[in-house]
Amino acid sequence: MFRTGKECEDAGVYRSNDCGYEITLLERDPFPECPLHDRSVTWTFIRKTEVPKARPKRRQTQSE
């Protein structure tokens, strides 16, 4: 379980133990307060999510 303010270590979906609200966090995102109740809560890991990879830089061609 993770508390409000702690840094997320694994990207995924987390559920508030307070009311069941679910959020998706990326690695290093801080765990927020409950968006419905504006108070500190404990979050439980639900499932891992795919983290989008950075788009490769577009290469310029001679015709551009």
PDB file of N, CA and C in Angstrom:
ATOM      1  N   MET A   1       0.842  -1.181   0.000  1.00  0.00           N
ATOM      2  CA  MET A   1       0.000   0.000   0.000  1.00  0.00           C
ATOM      3  C   MET A   1       0.882   1.237   0.000  1.00  0.00           C
ATOM      4  N   PHE A   2       0.356   2.295  -0.576  1.00  0.00           N
ATOM      5  CA  PHE A   2       1.126   3.518  -0.759  1.00  0.00           C
ATOM      6  C   PHE A   2       0.333   4.710  -0.234  1.00  0.00           C
ATOM      7  N   ARG A   3       1.007   5.629   0.424  1.00  0.00           N
ATOM      8  CA  ARG A   3       0.347   6.797   1.011  1.00  0.00           C
ATOM      9  C   ARG A   3       0.459   8.013   0.092  1.00  0.00           C
ATOM     10  N   THR A   4      -0.471   8.934   0.261  1.00  0.00           N
ATOM     11  CA  THR A   4      -0.436  10.205  -0.456  1.00  0.00           C
ATOM     12  C   THR A   4       0.924  10.869  -0.245  1.00  0.00           C
ATOM     13  N   GLY A   5       1.508  11.376  -1.326  1.00  0.00           N
ATOM     14  CA  GLY A   5       2.797  12.056  -1.260  1.00  0.00           C
ATOM     15  C   GLY A   5       3.987  11.174  -1.589  1.00  0.00           C
ATOM     16  N   LYS A   6       3.857   9.855  -1.442  1.00  0.00           N
ATOM     17  CA  LYS A   6       4.955   8.939  -1.766  1.00  0.00           C
ATOM     18  C   LYS A   6       5.120   8.875  -3.277  1.00  0.00           C
ATOM     19  N   GLU A   7       6.327   8.627  -3.730  1.00  0.00           N
ATOM     20  CA  GLU A   7       6.612   8.528  -5.160  1.00  0.00           C
ATOM     21  C   GLU A   7       6.258   7.141  -5.683  1.00  0.00           C
ATOM     22  N   CYS A   8       5.563   7.108  -6.807  1.00  0.00           N
ATOM     23  CA  CYS A   8       5.175   5.846  -7.435  1.00  0.00           C
ATOM     24  C   CYS A   8       6.420   5.163  -8.009  1.00  0.00           C
ATOM     25  N   GLU A   9       6.586   3.892  -7.726  1.00  0.00           N
ATOM     26  CA  GLU A   9       7.747   3.148  -8.203  1.00  0.00           C
ATOM     27  C   GLU A   9       7.456   2.347  -9.463  1.00  0.00           C
ATOM     28  N   ASP A  10       6.202   1.949  -9.667  1.00  0.00           N
ATOM     29  CA  ASP A  10       5.812   1.165 -10.836  1.00  0.00           C
ATOM     30  C   ASP A  10       4.575   1.764 -11.492  1.00  0.00           C
ATOM     31  N   ALA A  11       4.654   2.016 -12.798  1.00  0.00           N
ATOM     32  CA  ALA A  11       3.499   2.547 -13.521  1.00  0.00           C
ATOM     33  C   ALA A  11       2.354   1.554 -13.439  1.00  0.00           C
ATOM     34  N   GLY A  12       1.159   2.077 -13.195  1.00  0.00           N
ATOM     35  CA  GLY A  12       0.021   1.178 -13.116  1.00  0.00           C
ATOM     36  C   GLY A  12      -1.237   1.872 -12.639  1.00  0.00           C
ATOM     37  N   VAL A  13      -2.251   1.057 -12.424  1.00  0.00           N
ATOM     38  CA  VAL A  13      -3.537   1.535 -11.921  1.00  0.00           C
ATOM     39  C   VAL A  13      -3.556   1.271 -10.413  1.00  0.00           C
ATOM     40  N   TYR A  14      -3.983   2.279  -9.663  1.00  0.00           N
ATOM     41  CA  TYR A  14      -4.047   2.192  -8.209  1.00  0.00           C
ATOM     42  C   TYR A  14      -5.451   2.577  -7.746  1.00  0.00           C
ATOM     43  N   ARG A  15      -5.897   1.952  -6.653  1.00  0.00           N
ATOM     44  CA  ARG A  15      -7.240   2.209  -6.106  1.00  0.00           C
ATOM     45  C   ARG A  15      -7.116   2.791  -4.701  1.00  0.00           C
ATOM     46  N   SER A  16      -7.913   3.827  -4.457  1.00  0.00           N
ATOM     47  CA  SER A  16      -7.966   4.440  -3.130  1.00  0.00           C
ATOM     48  C   SER A  16      -8.674   3.490  -2.169  1.00  0.00           C
ATOM     49  N   ASN A  17      -8.064   3.260  -1.017  1.00  0.00           N
ATOM     50  CA  ASN A  17      -8.695   2.413  -0.004  1.00  0.00           C
ATOM     51  C   ASN A  17      -9.823   3.161   0.699  1.00  0.00           C
ATOM     52  N   ASP A  18      -9.910   4.440   0.469  1.00  0.00           N
ATOM     53  CA  ASP A  18     -10.932   5.278   1.087  1.00  0.00           C
ATOM     54  C   ASP A  18     -12.294   5.087   0.429  1.00  0.00           C
ATOM     55  N   CYS A  19     -12.333   5.204  -0.913  1.00  0.00           N
ATOM     56  CA  CYS A  19     -13.633   5.164  -1.604  1.00  0.00           C
ATOM     57  C   CYS A  19     -13.619   4.320  -2.873  1.00  0.00           C
ATOM     58  N   GLY A  20     -12.465   3.758  -3.238  1.00  0.00           N
ATOM     59  CA  GLY A  20     -12.401   2.911  -4.423  1.00  0.00           C
ATOM     60  C   GLY A  20     -12.083   3.645  -5.706  1.00  0.00           C
ATOM     61  N   TYR A  21     -11.787   4.954  -5.632  1.00  0.00           N
ATOM     62  CA  TYR A  21     -11.434   5.739  -6.816  1.00  0.00           C
ATOM     63  C   TYR A  21     -10.159   5.171  -7.428  1.00  0.00           C
ATOM     64  N   GLU A  22     -10.121   5.016  -8.738  1.00  0.00           N
ATOM     65  CA  GLU A  22      -8.942   4.470  -9.411  1.00  0.00           C
ATOM     66  C   GLU A  22      -8.239   5.531 -10.232  1.00  0.00           C
ATOM     67  N   ILE A  23      -6.908   5.482 -10.202  1.00  0.00           N
ATOM     68  CA  ILE A  23      -6.085   6.397 -10.993  1.00  0.00           C
ATOM     69  C   ILE A  23      -4.984   5.607 -11.680  1.00  0.00           C
ATOM     70  N   THR A  24      -4.435   6.179 -12.725  1.00  0.00           N
ATOM     71  CA  THR A  24      -3.276   5.608 -13.402  1.00  0.00           C
ATOM     72  C   THR A  24      -2.099   6.536 -13.145  1.00  0.00           C
ATOM     73  N   LEU A  25      -1.006   5.979 -12.662  1.00  0.00           N
ATOM     74  CA  LEU A  25       0.194   6.756 -12.379  1.00  0.00           C
ATOM     75  C   LEU A  25       1.368   6.203 -13.162  1.00  0.00           C
ATOM     76  N   LEU A  26       2.256   7.082 -13.536  1.00  0.00           N
ATOM     77  CA  LEU A  26       3.505   6.681 -14.168  1.00  0.00           C
ATOM     78  C   LEU A  26       4.596   6.643 -13.106  1.00  0.00           C
ATOM     79  N   GLU A  27       5.679   5.983 -13.421  1.00  0.00           N
ATOM     80  CA  GLU A  27       6.804   5.908 -12.496  1.00  0.00           C
ATOM     81  C   GLU A  27       7.245   7.316 -12.108  1.00  0.00           C
ATOM     82  N   ARG A  28       7.475   7.529 -10.838  1.00  0.00           N
ATOM     83  CA  ARG A  28       7.915   8.776 -10.217  1.00  0.00           C
ATOM     84  C   ARG A  28       6.809   9.809 -10.004  1.00  0.00           C
ATOM     85  N   ASP A  29       5.575   9.518 -10.418  1.00  0.00           N
ATOM     86  CA  ASP A  29       4.460  10.414 -10.094  1.00  0.00           C
ATOM     87  C   ASP A  29       4.197  10.322  -8.595  1.00  0.00           C
ATOM     88  N   PRO A  30       3.849  11.428  -7.956  1.00  0.00           N
ATOM     89  CA  PRO A  30       3.484  11.348  -6.534  1.00  0.00           C
ATOM     90  C   PRO A  30       2.052  10.835  -6.385  1.00  0.00           C
ATOM     91  N   PHE A  31       1.813  10.044  -5.358  1.00  0.00           N
ATOM     92  CA  PHE A  31       0.452   9.601  -5.072  1.00  0.00           C
ATOM     93  C   PHE A  31      -0.327  10.811  -4.582  1.00  0.00           C
ATOM     94  N   PRO A  32      -1.477  11.109  -5.212  1.00  0.00           N
ATOM     95  CA  PRO A  32      -2.240  12.301  -4.844  1.00  0.00           C
ATOM     96  C   PRO A  32      -3.175  12.056  -3.662  1.00  0.00           C
ATOM     97  N   GLU A  33      -3.794  13.138  -3.204  1.00  0.00           N
ATOM     98  CA  GLU A  33      -4.896  13.007  -2.259  1.00  0.00           C
ATOM     99  C   GLU A  33      -6.065  12.425  -3.039  1.00  0.00           C
ATOM    100  N   CYS A  34      -7.063  11.934  -2.347  1.00  0.00           N
ATOM    101  CA  CYS A  34      -8.250  11.422  -3.014  1.00  0.00           C
ATOM    102  C   CYS A  34      -8.915  12.581  -3.755  1.00  0.00           C
ATOM    103  N   PRO A  35      -9.080  12.476  -5.088  1.00  0.00           N
ATOM    104  CA  PRO A  35      -9.684  13.568  -5.849  1.00  0.00           C
ATOM    105  C   PRO A  35     -11.144  13.837  -5.471  1.00  0.00           C
ATOM    106  N   LEU A  36     -11.815  12.855  -4.902  1.00  0.00           N
ATOM    107  CA  LEU A  36     -13.219  13.035  -4.523  1.00  0.00           C
ATOM    108  C   LEU A  36     -13.389  13.649  -3.138  1.00  0.00           C
ATOM    109  N   HIS A  37     -12.399  13.447  -2.264  1.00  0.00           N
ATOM    110  CA  HIS A  37     -12.559  13.859  -0.870  1.00  0.00           C
ATOM    111  C   HIS A  37     -11.491  14.831  -0.365  1.00  0.00           C
ATOM    112  N   ASP A  38     -10.508  15.175  -1.191  1.00  0.00           N
ATOM    113  CA  ASP A  38      -9.445  16.122  -0.812  1.00  0.00           C
ATOM    114  C   ASP A  38      -8.805  15.802   0.532  1.00  0.00           C
ATOM    115  N   ARG A  39      -8.374  14.559   0.691  1.00  0.00           N
ATOM    116  CA  ARG A  39      -7.668  14.174   1.913  1.00  0.00           C
ATOM    117  C   ARG A  39      -6.662  13.074   1.590  1.00  0.00           C
ATOM    118  N   SER A  40      -5.691  12.917   2.466  1.00  0.00           N
ATOM    119  CA  SER A  40      -4.682  11.879   2.298  1.00  0.00           C
ATOM    120  C   SER A  40      -5.329  10.503   2.399  1.00  0.00           C
ATOM    121  N   VAL A  41      -4.885   9.598   1.545  1.00  0.00           N
ATOM    122  CA  VAL A  41      -5.425   8.236   1.542  1.00  0.00           C
ATOM    123  C   VAL A  41      -4.306   7.237   1.299  1.00  0.00           C
ATOM    124  N   THR A  42      -4.651   5.982   1.388  1.00  0.00           N
ATOM    125  CA  THR A  42      -3.746   4.887   1.059  1.00  0.00           C
ATOM    126  C   THR A  42      -4.190   4.329  -0.282  1.00  0.00           C
ATOM    127  N   TRP A  43      -3.222   4.007  -1.132  1.00  0.00           N
ATOM    128  CA  TRP A  43      -3.505   3.486  -2.476  1.00  0.00           C
ATOM    129  C   TRP A  43      -3.023   2.053  -2.574  1.00  0.00           C
ATOM    130  N   THR A  44      -3.787   1.209  -3.266  1.00  0.00           N
ATOM    131  CA  THR A  44      -3.432  -0.193  -3.480  1.00  0.00           C
ATOM    132  C   THR A  44      -3.199  -0.420  -4.962  1.00  0.00           C
ATOM    133  N   PHE A  45      -2.123  -1.139  -5.271  1.00  0.00           N
ATOM    134  CA  PHE A  45      -1.799  -1.471  -6.658  1.00  0.00           C
ATOM    135  C   PHE A  45      -2.840  -2.439  -7.202  1.00  0.00           C
ATOM    136  N   ILE A  46      -3.360  -2.157  -8.423  1.00  0.00           N
ATOM    137  CA  ILE A  46      -4.364  -3.011  -9.060  1.00  0.00           C
ATOM    138  C   ILE A  46      -3.756  -3.795 -10.225  1.00  0.00           C
ATOM    139  N   ARG A  47      -3.174  -3.071 -11.174  1.00  0.00           N
ATOM    140  CA  ARG A  47      -2.559  -3.750 -12.320  1.00  0.00           C
ATOM    141  C   ARG A  47      -1.528  -2.847 -12.978  1.00  0.00           C
ATOM    142  N   LYS A  48      -0.595  -3.480 -13.635  1.00  0.00           N
ATOM    143  CA  LYS A  48       0.460  -2.777 -14.352  1.00  0.00           C
ATOM    144  C   LYS A  48      -0.094  -2.216 -15.657  1.00  0.00           C
ATOM    145  N   THR A  49       0.450  -1.106 -16.114  1.00  0.00           N
ATOM    146  CA  THR A  49       0.059  -0.529 -17.399  1.00  0.00           C
ATOM    147  C   THR A  49       1.278  -0.403 -18.290  1.00  0.00           C
ATOM    148  N   GLU A  50       1.017  -0.386 -19.574  1.00  0.00           N
ATOM    149  CA  GLU A  50       2.087  -0.172 -20.542  1.00  0.00           C
ATOM    150  C   GLU A  50       2.470   1.304 -20.527  1.00  0.00           C
ATOM    151  N   VAL A  51       3.738   1.576 -20.439  1.00  0.00           N
ATOM    152  CA  VAL A  51       4.221   2.950 -20.456  1.00  0.00           C
ATOM    153  C   VAL A  51       4.561   3.300 -21.897  1.00  0.00           C
ATOM    154  N   PRO A  52       3.963   4.379 -22.430  1.00  0.00           N
ATOM    155  CA  PRO A  52       4.269   4.737 -23.811  1.00  0.00           C
ATOM    156  C   PRO A  52       5.727   5.118 -23.944  1.00  0.00           C
ATOM    157  N   LYS A  53       6.342   4.633 -24.997  1.00  0.00           N
ATOM    158  CA  LYS A  53       7.738   4.973 -25.254  1.00  0.00           C
ATOM    159  C   LYS A  53       7.783   6.314 -25.968  1.00  0.00           C
ATOM    160  N   ALA A  54       8.877   7.016 -25.784  1.00  0.00           N
ATOM    161  CA  ALA A  54       9.027   8.304 -26.459  1.00  0.00           C
ATOM    162  C   ALA A  54       9.042   8.080 -27.970  1.00  0.00           C
ATOM    163  N   ARG A  55       8.410   8.976 -28.665  1.00  0.00           N
ATOM    164  CA  ARG A  55       8.410   8.860 -30.125  1.00  0.00           C
ATOM    165  C   ARG A  55       9.802   9.129 -30.659  1.00  0.00           C
ATOM    166  N   PRO A  56      10.228   8.344 -31.643  1.00  0.00           N
ATOM    167  CA  PRO A  56      11.539   8.612 -32.223  1.00  0.00           C
ATOM    168  C   PRO A  56      11.491   9.931 -32.983  1.00  0.00           C
ATOM    169  N   LYS A  57      12.607  10.616 -32.992  1.00  0.00           N
ATOM    170  CA  LYS A  57      12.670  11.869 -33.728  1.00  0.00           C
ATOM    171  C   LYS A  57      12.546  11.589 -35.216  1.00  0.00           C
ATOM    172  N   ARG A  58      11.796  12.431 -35.870  1.00  0.00           N
ATOM    173  CA  ARG A  58      11.575  12.264 -37.298  1.00  0.00           C
ATOM    174  C   ARG A  58      12.830  12.674 -38.049  1.00  0.00           C
ATOM    175  N   ARG A  59      13.245  11.824 -38.927  1.00  0.00           N
ATOM    176  CA  ARG A  59      14.432  12.125 -39.734  1.00  0.00           C
ATOM    177  C   ARG A  59      14.045  12.970 -40.914  1.00  0.00           C
ATOM    178  N   GLN A  60      14.841  13.959 -41.208  1.00  0.00           N
ATOM    179  CA  GLN A  60      14.578  14.793 -42.374  1.00  0.00           C
ATOM    180  C   GLN A  60      15.146  14.103 -43.614  1.00  0.00           C
ATOM    181  N   THR A  61      14.393  14.225 -44.687  1.00  0.00           N
ATOM    182  CA  THR A  61      14.871  13.677 -45.953  1.00  0.00           C
ATOM    183  C   THR A  61      15.345  14.833 -46.828  1.00  0.00           C
ATOM    184  N   GLN A  62      16.023  14.515 -47.874  1.00  0.00           N
ATOM    185  CA  GLN A  62      16.548  15.553 -48.756  1.00  0.00           C
ATOM    186  C   GLN A  62      15.432  16.344 -49.425  1.00  0.00           C
ATOM    187  N   SER A  63      14.264  15.755 -49.600  1.00  0.00           N
ATOM    188  CA  SER A  63      13.166  16.452 -50.276  1.00  0.00           C
ATOM    189  C   SER A  63      12.496  17.481 -49.377  1.00  0.00           C
ATOM    190  N   GLU A  64      12.802  17.501 -48.093  1.00  0.00           N
ATOM    191  CA  GLU A  64      12.168  18.469 -47.176  1.00  0.00           C
ATOM    192  C   GLU A  64      12.934  19.745 -47.116  1.00  0.00           C
TER     193      GLU A  64
END
